[in-house]
C-alpha atoms as a PDB file:
ATOM      1  CA  MET A   1       0.000   0.000   0.000  1.00  0.00           C
ATOM      2  CA  LYS A   2       1.221   3.491  -0.803  1.00  0.00           C
ATOM      3  CA  ALA A   3       0.092   7.107  -0.570  1.00  0.00           C
ATOM      4  CA  GLY A   4      -2.475   7.852  -3.266  1.00  0.00           C
ATOM      5  CA  ASP A   5      -4.085   4.388  -3.206  1.00  0.00           C
ATOM      6  CA  TYR A   6      -7.857   4.152  -2.789  1.00  0.00           C
ATOM      7  CA  ILE A   7      -9.092   1.615  -0.228  1.00  0.00           C
ATOM      8  CA  TYR A   8     -12.641   0.506   0.568  1.00  0.00           C
ATOM      9  CA  THR A   9     -13.443   0.667   4.296  1.00  0.00           C
ATOM     10  CA  PRO A  10     -16.636  -0.468   6.055  1.00  0.00           C
ATOM     11  CA  ARG A  11     -17.149   2.868   7.800  1.00  0.00           C
ATOM     12  CA  PHE A  12     -16.217   5.471   5.151  1.00  0.00           C
ATOM     13  CA  CYS A  13     -16.469   3.485   1.875  1.00  0.00           C
ATOM     14  CA  SER A  14     -13.749   4.471  -0.615  1.00  0.00           C
ATOM     15  CA  VAL A  15     -10.955   6.559   0.935  1.00  0.00           C
ATOM     16  CA  LYS A  16      -7.651   7.872  -0.423  1.00  0.00           C
ATOM     17  CA  ILE A  17      -4.540   7.056   1.598  1.00  0.00           C
ATOM     18  CA  LYS A  18      -2.545  10.202   2.354  1.00  0.00           C
ATOM     19  CA  LYS A  19       0.278   8.648   4.417  1.00  0.00           C
ATOM     20  CA  VAL A  20       1.642   5.197   5.202  1.00  0.00           C
ATOM     21  CA  TYR A  21       3.209   4.517   8.617  1.00  0.00           C
ATOM     22  CA  LYS A  22       5.221   1.667  10.067  1.00  0.00           C
ATOM     23  CA  ASP A  23       4.573   2.914  13.611  1.00  0.00           C
ATOM     24  CA  GLU A  24       1.035   3.284  14.977  1.00  0.00           C
ATOM     25  CA  GLY A  25       2.286   5.568  17.748  1.00  0.00           C
ATOM     26  CA  GLN A  26       3.601   8.094  15.230  1.00  0.00           C
ATOM     27  CA  ALA A  27       0.347   7.977  13.253  1.00  0.00           C
ATOM     28  CA  ARG A  28      -1.606   8.761  16.412  1.00  0.00           C
ATOM     29  CA  LYS A  29       0.779  11.615  17.283  1.00  0.00           C
ATOM     30  CA  ASP A  30       0.090  13.012  13.811  1.00  0.00           C
ATOM     31  CA  GLY A  31      -3.665  12.934  14.542  1.00  0.00           C
ATOM     32  CA  PHE A  32      -4.778   9.731  12.812  1.00  0.00           C
ATOM     33  CA  TYR A  33      -7.009   8.093  15.423  1.00  0.00           C
ATOM     34  CA  GLU A  34     -10.497   7.705  13.880  1.00  0.00           C
ATOM     35  CA  PRO A  35     -11.100   3.968  13.184  1.00  0.00           C
ATOM     36  CA  THR A  36     -12.399   2.795   9.807  1.00  0.00           C
ATOM     37  CA  TYR A  37     -12.785  -0.915  10.772  1.00  0.00           C
ATOM     38  CA  TYR A  38     -10.671  -1.954   7.780  1.00  0.00           C
ATOM     39  CA  LYS A  39      -9.222  -5.446   8.237  1.00  0.00           C
ATOM     40  CA  ASP A  40      -6.811  -7.184   5.913  1.00  0.00           C
ATOM     41  CA  GLY A  41      -4.167  -8.519   8.312  1.00  0.00           C
ATOM     42  CA  GLN A  42      -1.418  -6.233   6.999  1.00  0.00           C
ATOM     43  CA  TYR A  43      -2.699  -2.692   7.573  1.00  0.00           C
ATOM     44  CA  LYS A  44      -5.014  -0.651   9.758  1.00  0.00           C
ATOM     45  CA  ILE A  45      -6.617   2.457   8.280  1.00  0.00           C
ATOM     46  CA  TYR A  46      -7.233   5.486  10.510  1.00  0.00           C
ATOM     47  CA  GLY A  47      -8.682   8.888   9.724  1.00  0.00           C
ATOM     48  CA  LYS A  48      -7.881  12.420  10.865  1.00  0.00           C
ATOM     49  CA  HIS A  49     -10.410  15.264  10.859  1.00  0.00           C
ATOM     50  CA  THR A  50      -9.222  18.164   8.709  1.00  0.00           C
ATOM     51  CA  GLY A  51     -12.379  20.275   8.688  1.00  0.00           C
ATOM     52  CA  THR A  52     -16.151  20.052   8.529  1.00  0.00           C
ATOM     53  CA  ASN A  53     -17.034  16.722   6.904  1.00  0.00           C
ATOM     54  CA  THR A  54     -13.475  16.188   5.627  1.00  0.00           C
ATOM     55  CA  MET A  55     -10.781  13.722   6.665  1.00  0.00           C
ATOM     56  CA  ASP A  56      -7.356  12.481   5.651  1.00  0.00           C
ATOM     57  CA  PHE A  57      -6.580   8.776   5.965  1.00  0.00           C
ATOM     58  CA  ALA A  58      -3.425   6.877   6.826  1.00  0.00           C
ATOM     59  CA  ALA A  59      -2.449   3.229   6.502  1.00  0.00           C
ATOM     60  CA  ILE A  60      -0.494   1.734   9.382  1.00  0.00           C
ATOM     61  CA  GLN A  61       1.425  -1.506   8.984  1.00  0.00           C
ATOM     62  CA  ILE A  62       0.492  -4.111  11.573  1.00  0.00           C
END
């Protein structure tokens, strides 16, 4: 998975990945904490609020 990929999540449907992290702690420090309930065994997808009804999404390696 890489930045720019589109992923389907149960909570938000199709989302565009803005960043990819190897460390969940760093992703949370950067504000990505909203769960999407995406499960594939390799990545978690979290969102970050950026304004009214807008979010950025990050993939975090498990």
